[in-house]
């Protein structure tokens, strides 16, 4: 149990008085400026864009978690000095999130909120550059340890890279330099452009999205180009990025970089298939690939033509040589076999005469036989014809009628039986000469 102080004799603070008192204690405890290091987070400008605010954080050395944080302000009056100090440093950088910095600060407490913060009065850019270098080297060593630096480099470049996936800021000088250089050649390049920021906090996100987009296209590009115009080392630092490097490593297509810097090499350059200095140099590299292919085609065409001409000429020589040898062989054959050929010729002629005489006799004998056979055949058939004529004459109805016979017709049909007639039927009787029509009075059956 404790005793409460006598309220009538003790000082009672208002919140503002308390905060001002704490502010005085802080200022008396830190009468001079102090150096503070930490990682920038939540970098932002004031509404009027005059001041810069952010947090400085400290992370656990073995875990990616924040263990301490303090608010920081760079007021308008201090900005020119700080930015000039950064720009004058070899390997200048840009204040941005996730970089480690070292500031000379004044500690202050804002009485209205009761929150203390740091007011920046100066910067040690060498410290940040050292951290940049350490972080950059750490990323490079990780990539090398995993064997990823060469992964995109071993992808084969197409012989004729005409379909290009271009990652750049659309409408920028880099874009026009690259496109104009390709158009001037008259070759059939097809450029598919992904508009992405080439500096600032959106670089990582948009460049990775672009790489993923081109790798998932149905119409696959021959290769991917990442290019930007010239700029400061600070602008280039956005490409010292671990996640962009891993996206390039994962690409199924060669990645060509032209980041517009003559001196520095970024991690993006390091893992790309080919790194060139400017957009124009990248375009020239692609044009040289096409020209090299065309030269190779022309070379092969000449080689094929020369080889064909050589083979034709060789064939002609062989043919002429063969013709001469054949002619010589024929002449030699006929010379060596002349007597045999003459004898063969006589034998052929004699055999031909024998065959012709034999065939003549055969035809003559056949003709005689044909004449004899034809006479007998005609005589035999003439007698048969006469016999048939006599038989026809005997069976001629007129000759039968001449002998007194007649033909009785009823309804134009010859009658053979009186039983087919009835009393009153009209019949017609045909004689050798003339006809008679009569009516049947009666009929009699044959006995």
Protein backbone atom coordinates (compact mmCIF):
# COMPACT_ATOMS: atom_id res chain seq x y z
CA UNK A 1 0.00 0.00 0.00
CA UNK A 2 1.44 3.42 -0.94
CA UNK A 3 0.53 6.93 0.15
CA UNK A 4 -0.80 9.37 -2.42
CA UNK A 5 1.10 12.68 -2.53
CA UNK A 6 -0.67 15.78 -1.31
CA UNK A 7 -2.31 17.14 -4.42
CA UNK A 8 -2.33 20.64 -3.04
CA UNK A 9 1.49 20.73 -2.77
CA UNK A 10 2.54 18.66 -5.87
CA UNK A 11 2.90 19.90 -9.45
CA UNK A 12 0.15 18.63 -11.77
CA UNK A 13 1.10 18.53 -15.49
CA UNK A 14 -1.14 19.03 -18.43
CA UNK A 15 -0.42 16.72 -21.38
CA UNK A 16 1.17 19.53 -23.33
CA UNK A 17 3.30 20.53 -20.31
CA UNK A 18 4.37 16.92 -19.88
CA UNK A 19 5.32 16.57 -23.52
CA UNK A 20 7.24 19.84 -23.48
CA UNK A 21 9.06 18.73 -20.30
CA UNK A 22 10.00 15.38 -21.92
CA UNK A 23 11.10 17.33 -24.98
CA UNK A 24 13.41 19.40 -22.78
CA UNK A 25 14.79 16.26 -21.15
CA UNK A 26 15.51 14.73 -24.56
CA UNK A 27 17.23 17.86 -25.79
CA UNK A 28 19.32 18.14 -22.60
CA UNK A 29 20.18 14.42 -22.86
CA UNK A 30 21.17 14.75 -26.55
CA UNK A 31 22.47 18.31 -26.80
CA UNK A 32 24.38 17.51 -29.98
CA UNK A 33 23.50 15.87 -33.28
CA UNK A 34 23.87 12.06 -33.38
CA UNK A 35 24.43 9.54 -36.18
CA UNK A 36 21.64 7.01 -36.63
CA UNK A 37 21.56 4.13 -39.15
CA UNK A 38 18.58 2.08 -40.27
CA UNK A 39 16.49 0.91 -43.25
CA UNK A 40 14.05 3.29 -44.94
CA UNK A 41 10.37 2.31 -44.92
CA UNK A 42 7.16 4.09 -45.95
CA UNK A 43 8.95 6.93 -47.77
CA UNK A 44 6.48 9.72 -48.60
CA UNK A 45 6.28 13.44 -49.31
CA UNK A 46 4.14 15.96 -47.45
CA UNK A 47 0.96 17.18 -49.12
CA UNK A 48 2.69 20.33 -50.33
CA UNK A 49 5.70 18.25 -51.51
CA UNK A 50 8.03 20.42 -49.41
CA UNK A 51 9.10 17.88 -46.79
CA UNK A 52 9.96 14.16 -46.82
CA UNK A 53 8.77 11.73 -44.16
CA UNK A 54 9.63 8.08 -43.55
CA UNK A 55 10.43 5.53 -40.87
CA UNK A 56 13.84 4.18 -40.02
CA UNK A 57 13.60 0.55 -38.95
CA UNK A 58 15.89 -2.08 -37.47
CA UNK A 59 15.36 -5.74 -38.35
CA UNK A 60 16.25 -8.84 -36.40
CA UNK A 61 19.65 -10.06 -37.68
CA UNK A 62 18.38 -13.60 -38.23
CA UNK A 63 14.73 -13.03 -39.03
CA UNK A 64 12.95 -10.70 -41.41
CA UNK A 65 11.00 -8.87 -38.72
CA UNK A 66 11.10 -5.31 -37.39
CA UNK A 67 12.39 -4.98 -33.84
CA UNK A 68 12.53 -1.15 -33.65
CA UNK A 69 11.18 1.86 -35.56
CA UNK A 70 11.42 5.65 -35.37
CA UNK A 71 9.83 8.41 -37.45
CA UNK A 72 12.15 10.62 -39.53
CA UNK A 73 11.69 13.96 -41.31
CA UNK A 74 13.79 15.81 -43.89
CA UNK A 75 12.55 19.38 -43.98
CA UNK A 76 12.64 21.56 -47.04
CA UNK A 77 15.61 23.63 -45.83
CA UNK A 78 17.81 20.55 -45.46
CA UNK A 79 16.81 18.80 -48.73
CA UNK A 80 19.20 20.64 -51.11
CA UNK A 81 22.28 19.87 -48.98
CA UNK A 82 21.38 16.22 -48.53
CA UNK A 83 20.58 15.63 -52.20
CA UNK A 84 23.74 17.46 -53.28
CA UNK A 85 25.82 15.26 -50.98
CA UNK A 86 24.29 12.16 -52.61
CA UNK A 87 24.80 13.43 -56.16
CA UNK A 88 28.43 14.37 -55.56
CA UNK A 89 29.23 10.87 -54.34
CA UNK A 90 30.76 8.47 -56.85
CA UNK A 91 28.01 5.91 -57.51
CA UNK A 92 25.14 8.20 -56.53
CA UNK A 93 21.88 6.62 -55.41
CA UNK A 94 18.30 7.66 -54.76
CA UNK A 95 16.52 7.72 -51.42
CA UNK A 96 13.97 4.92 -51.57
CA UNK A 97 12.40 2.20 -49.50
CA UNK A 98 14.44 -0.80 -48.36
CA UNK A 99 17.87 0.83 -48.52
CA UNK A 100 20.07 1.20 -45.45
CA UNK A 101 21.22 4.76 -44.67
CA UNK A 102 23.21 6.70 -42.08
CA UNK A 103 21.87 10.14 -41.10
CA UNK A 104 23.13 12.87 -38.81
CA UNK A 105 20.02 13.72 -36.80
CA UNK A 106 18.55 15.95 -34.21
CA UNK A 107 16.23 14.22 -31.73
CA UNK A 108 12.97 16.02 -31.15
CA UNK A 109 9.53 15.43 -29.69
CA UNK A 110 6.40 16.93 -31.15
CA UNK A 111 4.44 18.11 -28.09
CA UNK A 112 1.04 17.88 -29.75
CA UNK A 113 1.32 14.10 -30.37
CA UNK A 114 3.87 13.17 -27.73
CA UNK A 115 5.81 11.17 -30.34
CA UNK A 116 9.52 11.68 -30.69
CA UNK A 117 11.23 11.64 -34.06
CA UNK A 118 14.49 12.38 -35.85
CA UNK A 119 15.16 15.52 -37.87
CA UNK A 120 17.81 14.86 -40.55
CA UNK A 121 20.53 17.47 -40.92
CA UNK A 122 23.12 15.50 -42.95
CA UNK A 123 23.82 12.12 -44.57
CA UNK A 124 26.79 9.79 -44.94
CA UNK A 125 26.33 8.55 -48.55
CA UNK A 126 29.46 6.36 -48.39
CA UNK A 127 27.79 4.24 -45.73
CA UNK A 128 24.75 3.62 -47.98
CA UNK A 129 26.95 2.86 -50.97
CA UNK A 130 28.82 0.36 -48.87
CA UNK A 131 25.56 -1.29 -47.88
CA UNK A 132 24.48 -1.25 -51.52
CA UNK A 133 27.72 -2.95 -52.49
CA UNK A 134 27.39 -5.49 -49.69
CA UNK A 135 23.80 -6.30 -50.62
CA UNK A 136 24.65 -6.42 -54.33
CA UNK A 137 27.60 -8.72 -53.71
CA UNK A 138 25.45 -10.92 -51.48
CA UNK A 139 22.88 -11.32 -54.28
CA UNK A 140 25.60 -12.05 -56.86
CA UNK A 141 27.21 -14.67 -54.61
CA UNK A 142 23.82 -16.33 -54.06
CA UNK A 143 23.18 -16.47 -57.81
CA UNK A 144 26.64 -17.87 -58.48
CA UNK A 145 26.34 -20.41 -55.68
CA UNK A 146 23.10 -21.69 -57.19
CA UNK A 147 24.59 -21.75 -60.70
CA UNK A 148 22.03 -19.25 -62.00
CA UNK A 149 24.27 -16.56 -63.53
CA UNK A 150 24.79 -18.61 -66.71
CA UNK A 151 21.30 -20.12 -66.96
CA UNK A 152 19.84 -17.58 -69.40
CA UNK A 153 23.15 -17.32 -71.26
CA UNK A 154 23.07 -20.98 -72.32
CA UNK A 155 19.71 -20.55 -74.08
CA UNK A 156 20.35 -20.58 -77.85
CA UNK A 157 19.75 -17.34 -79.72
CA UNK A 158 17.53 -17.92 -82.79
CA UNK A 159 19.31 -17.67 -86.13
CA UNK A 160 16.72 -15.14 -87.30
CA UNK A 161 15.36 -13.22 -84.27
CA UNK A 162 12.47 -11.29 -85.84
CA UNK A 163 9.74 -11.61 -83.16
CA UNK A 164 10.87 -9.41 -80.26
CA UNK A 165 9.26 -8.98 -76.83
CA UNK A 166 10.21 -5.42 -75.80
CA UNK A 167 10.08 -4.26 -72.16
CA UNK A 168 10.52 -0.49 -71.93
CA UNK A 169 8.71 2.75 -71.21
CA UNK A 170 6.36 3.20 -74.19
CA UNK A 171 7.00 6.45 -76.04
CA UNK A 172 10.36 7.07 -74.34
CA UNK A 173 13.54 8.01 -76.20
CA UNK A 174 14.79 4.47 -75.62
CA UNK A 175 11.64 3.08 -77.28
CA UNK A 176 12.02 5.32 -80.37
CA UNK A 177 15.78 4.73 -80.68
CA UNK A 178 15.24 0.95 -80.63
CA UNK A 179 12.26 0.91 -83.01
CA UNK A 180 13.79 3.42 -85.47
CA UNK A 181 17.02 1.45 -85.73
CA UNK A 182 15.11 -1.74 -86.61
CA UNK A 183 12.71 -0.04 -89.06
CA UNK A 184 15.60 1.52 -91.00
CA UNK A 185 16.85 -1.94 -92.02
CA UNK A 186 13.67 -2.95 -93.86
CA UNK A 187 13.76 -6.40 -92.25
CA UNK A 188 10.47 -7.96 -91.10
CA UNK A 189 10.80 -7.39 -87.35
CA UNK A 190 7.64 -7.82 -85.25
CA UNK A 191 7.81 -5.93 -81.95
CA UNK A 192 5.47 -6.73 -79.03
CA UNK A 193 5.77 -3.93 -76.45
CA UNK A 194 5.07 -4.18 -72.72
CA UNK A 195 4.91 -0.67 -71.23
CA UNK A 196 6.85 -0.68 -67.92
CA UNK A 197 8.49 1.87 -65.64
CA UNK A 198 12.27 1.94 -66.05
CA UNK A 199 12.96 3.80 -62.82
CA UNK A 200 11.20 4.19 -59.50
CA UNK A 201 9.49 1.84 -57.13
CA UNK A 202 7.33 0.20 -59.87
CA UNK A 203 10.35 -1.15 -61.80
CA UNK A 204 10.53 -4.45 -59.93
CA UNK A 205 6.81 -5.18 -60.18
CA UNK A 206 6.28 -4.20 -63.82
CA UNK A 207 9.47 -5.71 -65.26
CA UNK A 208 8.67 -9.03 -63.56
CA UNK A 209 5.08 -8.88 -64.86
CA UNK A 210 6.41 -8.20 -68.38
CA UNK A 211 8.78 -11.19 -68.27
CA UNK A 212 5.97 -13.44 -67.07
CA UNK A 213 3.65 -12.07 -69.78
CA UNK A 214 6.05 -12.82 -72.64
CA UNK A 215 6.89 -16.27 -71.27
CA UNK A 216 3.17 -17.18 -71.24
CA UNK A 217 2.22 -15.79 -74.66
CA UNK A 218 0.65 -18.21 -77.16
CA UNK A 219 2.66 -16.56 -79.92
CA UNK A 220 6.13 -17.03 -78.46
CA UNK A 221 8.81 -14.32 -79.03
CA UNK A 222 12.27 -15.24 -80.30
CA UNK A 223 13.82 -13.28 -77.44
CA UNK A 224 13.05 -10.56 -74.87
CA UNK A 225 14.66 -7.11 -74.74
CA UNK A 226 14.80 -4.93 -71.61
CA UNK A 227 15.96 -1.43 -72.47
CA UNK A 228 15.92 2.11 -71.15
CA UNK A 229 17.59 5.43 -71.95
CA UNK A 230 20.51 7.02 -70.20
CA UNK A 231 20.32 8.19 -66.63
CA UNK A 232 22.15 8.50 -63.35
CA UNK A 233 23.64 5.67 -61.34
CA UNK A 234 20.72 6.11 -58.96
CA UNK A 235 18.27 5.41 -61.79
CA UNK A 236 20.24 2.33 -62.74
CA UNK A 237 20.22 0.98 -59.18
CA UNK A 238 16.62 -0.20 -59.63
CA UNK A 239 18.02 -3.04 -61.75
CA UNK A 240 20.31 -4.29 -58.97
CA UNK A 241 17.27 -6.29 -57.98
CA UNK A 242 17.22 -9.88 -56.79
CA UNK A 243 13.62 -10.63 -57.85
CA UNK A 244 14.14 -9.26 -61.38
CA UNK A 245 17.26 -11.42 -61.62
CA UNK A 246 15.31 -14.53 -60.64
CA UNK A 247 12.61 -13.72 -63.21
CA UNK A 248 15.27 -13.49 -65.93
CA UNK A 249 16.80 -16.77 -64.76
CA UNK A 250 13.34 -18.40 -65.02
CA UNK A 251 12.72 -17.09 -68.55
CA UNK A 252 12.34 -19.66 -71.34
CA UNK A 253 13.67 -17.12 -73.84
CA UNK A 254 17.01 -15.27 -74.08
CA UNK A 255 16.91 -11.84 -72.43
CA UNK A 256 18.94 -9.00 -73.98
CA UNK A 257 19.60 -5.90 -71.84
CA UNK A 258 20.38 -2.36 -72.92
CA UNK A 259 20.06 -0.24 -69.80
CA UNK A 260 21.70 2.90 -71.15
CA UNK A 261 24.82 3.07 -69.00
CA UNK A 262 28.39 2.98 -70.27
CA UNK A 263 30.16 2.23 -66.98
CA UNK A 264 28.09 0.34 -64.42
CA UNK A 265 26.95 -3.27 -64.73
CA UNK A 266 23.79 -4.19 -62.86
CA UNK A 267 22.71 -7.57 -61.56
CA UNK A 268 20.14 -7.58 -64.39
CA UNK A 269 23.02 -7.23 -66.89
CA UNK A 270 24.91 -9.97 -65.10
CA UNK A 271 22.21 -12.66 -65.43
CA UNK A 272 20.93 -11.63 -68.89
CA UNK A 273 21.91 -13.63 -71.96
CA UNK A 274 23.60 -10.57 -73.51
CA UNK A 275 24.21 -7.13 -72.02
CA UNK A 276 24.72 -4.06 -74.22
CA UNK A 277 25.07 -0.42 -73.34
CA UNK A 278 22.20 1.32 -75.14
CA UNK A 279 18.88 0.63 -76.91
CA UNK A 280 20.58 1.43 -80.23
CA UNK A 281 23.33 -1.11 -79.51
CA UNK A 282 20.70 -3.77 -78.79
CA UNK A 283 18.91 -3.02 -82.08
CA UNK A 284 22.23 -3.15 -83.97
CA UNK A 285 23.01 -6.48 -82.31
CA UNK A 286 19.72 -7.94 -83.60
CA UNK A 287 20.31 -6.50 -87.08
CA UNK A 288 23.81 -8.00 -87.12
CA UNK A 289 22.29 -11.40 -86.30
CA UNK A 290 19.98 -11.12 -89.34
CA UNK A 291 22.80 -9.91 -91.58
CA UNK A 292 25.08 -12.70 -90.38
CA UNK A 293 22.35 -15.22 -91.24
CA UNK A 294 21.88 -13.69 -94.71
CA UNK A 295 25.64 -13.71 -95.27
CA UNK A 296 25.71 -17.35 -94.23
CA UNK A 297 22.89 -18.10 -96.70
CA UNK A 298 24.80 -16.29 -99.45
CA UNK A 299 27.94 -18.21 -98.53
CA UNK A 300 26.13 -21.55 -98.65
CA UNK A 301 24.47 -20.54 -101.93
CA UNK A 302 27.87 -19.76 -103.44
CA UNK A 303 29.31 -23.00 -102.04
CA UNK A 304 26.42 -25.01 -103.50
CA UNK A 305 26.68 -23.21 -106.84
CA UNK A 306 30.45 -23.69 -107.01
CA UNK A 307 30.14 -27.33 -106.00
CA UNK A 308 27.38 -27.88 -108.58
CA UNK A 309 29.46 -26.23 -111.32
CA UNK A 310 32.44 -28.35 -110.30
CA UNK A 311 30.36 -31.54 -110.34
CA UNK A 312 28.83 -30.67 -113.73
CA UNK A 313 32.25 -29.93 -115.22
CA UNK A 314 33.61 -33.13 -113.72
CA UNK A 315 30.64 -35.01 -115.15
CA UNK A 316 31.21 -33.51 -118.58
CA UNK A 317 34.85 -34.57 -118.48
CA UNK A 318 33.90 -38.06 -117.37
CA UNK A 319 31.25 -38.24 -120.10
CA UNK A 320 33.69 -37.12 -122.79
CA UNK A 321 36.26 -39.58 -121.53
CA UNK A 322 33.66 -42.36 -121.44
CA UNK A 323 32.49 -41.49 -125.00
CA UNK A 324 36.04 -41.65 -126.31
CA UNK A 325 36.67 -44.93 -124.52
CA UNK A 326 33.35 -46.34 -125.80
CA UNK A 327 34.09 -45.27 -129.38
CA UNK A 328 37.55 -46.80 -129.14
CA UNK A 329 36.11 -50.01 -127.68
CA UNK A 330 33.48 -50.23 -130.46
CA UNK A 331 36.03 -49.67 -133.17
CA UNK A 332 38.35 -52.24 -131.60
CA UNK A 333 35.47 -54.70 -131.28
CA UNK A 334 34.48 -54.32 -134.91
CA UNK A 335 38.12 -54.48 -135.97
CA UNK A 336 38.70 -57.62 -133.93
CA UNK A 337 35.45 -59.27 -135.08
CA UNK A 338 35.28 -58.06 -138.69
CA UNK A 339 35.70 -61.54 -140.30
CA UNK A 340 33.28 -63.05 -137.83
CA UNK A 341 30.79 -60.31 -138.57
CA UNK A 342 31.16 -60.88 -142.36
CA UNK A 343 30.58 -64.62 -141.92
CA UNK A 344 27.62 -63.91 -139.65
CA UNK A 345 26.24 -61.53 -142.27
CA UNK A 346 26.46 -64.23 -145.02
CA UNK A 347 24.90 -66.80 -142.71
CA UNK A 348 22.08 -64.39 -141.89
CA UNK A 349 21.45 -63.73 -145.59
CA UNK A 350 21.52 -67.46 -146.48
CA UNK A 351 19.22 -68.33 -143.59
CA UNK A 352 16.86 -65.56 -144.64
CA UNK A 353 16.77 -66.88 -148.23
CA UNK A 354 16.13 -70.41 -146.98
CA UNK A 355 13.27 -69.25 -144.78
CA UNK A 356 11.76 -67.21 -147.64
CA UNK A 357 11.94 -70.15 -150.10
CA UNK A 358 10.49 -72.50 -147.52
CA UNK A 359 7.62 -70.15 -146.86
CA UNK A 360 7.01 -69.69 -150.60
CA UNK A 361 6.69 -73.44 -151.08
CA UNK A 362 4.46 -73.70 -148.05
CA UNK A 363 2.19 -70.96 -149.42
CA UNK A 364 2.13 -72.57 -152.92
CA UNK A 365 1.15 -75.96 -151.49
CA UNK A 366 -1.52 -74.32 -149.36
CA UNK A 367 -2.89 -72.53 -152.42
CA UNK A 368 -3.10 -75.77 -154.45
CA UNK A 369 -4.81 -77.54 -151.61
CA UNK A 370 -7.18 -74.65 -151.20
CA UNK A 371 -8.14 -74.73 -154.89
CA UNK A 372 -8.83 -78.51 -154.80
CA UNK A 373 -10.71 -78.29 -151.54
CA UNK A 374 -12.73 -75.33 -152.74
CA UNK A 375 -13.80 -77.17 -155.96
CA UNK A 376 -14.95 -80.24 -154.06
CA UNK A 377 -16.69 -78.08 -151.51
CA UNK A 378 -18.54 -76.06 -154.14
CA UNK A 379 -19.54 -79.16 -156.12
CA UNK A 380 -20.83 -80.93 -153.03
CA UNK A 381 -22.80 -77.92 -151.91
CA UNK A 382 -24.17 -77.32 -155.44
CA UNK A 383 -25.71 -80.82 -155.46
CA UNK A 384 -27.20 -80.24 -152.01
CA UNK A 385 -28.71 -76.98 -153.20
CA UNK A 386 -30.29 -78.68 -156.27
CA UNK A 387 -31.79 -81.39 -154.08
CA UNK A 388 -33.20 -78.85 -151.71
CA UNK A 389 -34.64 -76.89 -154.66
CA UNK A 390 -36.40 -79.98 -156.00
CA UNK A 391 -37.78 -80.72 -152.56
CA UNK A 392 -39.03 -77.17 -152.24
CA UNK A 393 -40.69 -77.39 -155.63
CA UNK A 394 -42.45 -80.62 -154.70
CA UNK A 395 -43.74 -79.08 -151.47
CA UNK A 396 -44.83 -75.83 -153.14
CA UNK A 397 -48.66 -75.45 -152.56
CA UNK A 398 -49.15 -74.27 -156.16
CA UNK A 399 -47.77 -77.53 -157.52
CA UNK A 400 -50.08 -79.49 -155.19
CA UNK A 401 -53.07 -77.43 -156.37
CA UNK A 402 -52.08 -78.14 -159.98
CA UNK A 403 -52.69 -81.81 -159.33
CA UNK A 404 -56.35 -81.12 -158.48
CA UNK A 405 -56.14 -80.48 -154.80
CA UNK A 406 -57.79 -77.48 -153.14
CA UNK A 407 -57.61 -75.67 -149.75
CA UNK A 408 -60.74 -74.88 -147.71
CA UNK A 409 -60.56 -71.83 -145.43
CA UNK A 410 -62.81 -70.63 -142.61
CA UNK A 411 -62.03 -67.27 -141.16
CA UNK A 412 -58.77 -67.30 -143.16
CA UNK A 413 -57.68 -70.54 -141.46
CA UNK A 414 -57.15 -73.82 -143.34
CA UNK A 415 -59.62 -76.59 -142.35
CA UNK A 416 -58.43 -80.10 -141.68
CA UNK A 417 -61.61 -81.63 -140.11
CA UNK A 418 -65.30 -81.36 -141.26
CA UNK A 419 -66.32 -81.61 -137.60
CA UNK A 420 -65.15 -78.02 -137.13
CA UNK A 421 -67.96 -76.81 -139.49
CA UNK A 422 -71.60 -76.17 -138.78
CA UNK A 423 -74.57 -75.77 -141.09
CA UNK A 424 -74.66 -72.26 -142.52
CA UNK A 425 -70.88 -71.55 -142.06
CA UNK A 426 -69.36 -69.59 -144.91
CA UNK A 427 -66.25 -71.21 -146.30
CA UNK A 428 -63.74 -70.28 -149.01
CA UNK A 429 -62.24 -72.85 -151.37
CA UNK A 430 -58.89 -72.09 -153.04
CA UNK A 431 -58.11 -73.85 -156.37
CA UNK A 432 -55.00 -73.74 -158.54
CA UNK A 433 -56.89 -71.14 -160.49
CA UNK A 434 -59.51 -69.08 -158.71
CA UNK A 435 -61.52 -69.27 -155.50
CA UNK A 436 -65.15 -70.14 -154.51
CA UNK A 437 -67.26 -69.02 -151.55
CA UNK A 438 -70.03 -71.38 -150.37
CA UNK A 439 -72.36 -72.06 -147.47
CA UNK A 440 -72.29 -75.41 -145.61
CA UNK A 441 -75.54 -77.37 -145.97
CA UNK A 442 -74.37 -80.42 -144.05
CA UNK A 443 -71.25 -82.27 -142.89
CA UNK A 444 -70.28 -85.95 -142.71
CA UNK A 445 -67.89 -87.68 -140.40
CA UNK A 446 -65.12 -89.82 -141.87
CA UNK A 447 -65.68 -93.58 -141.61
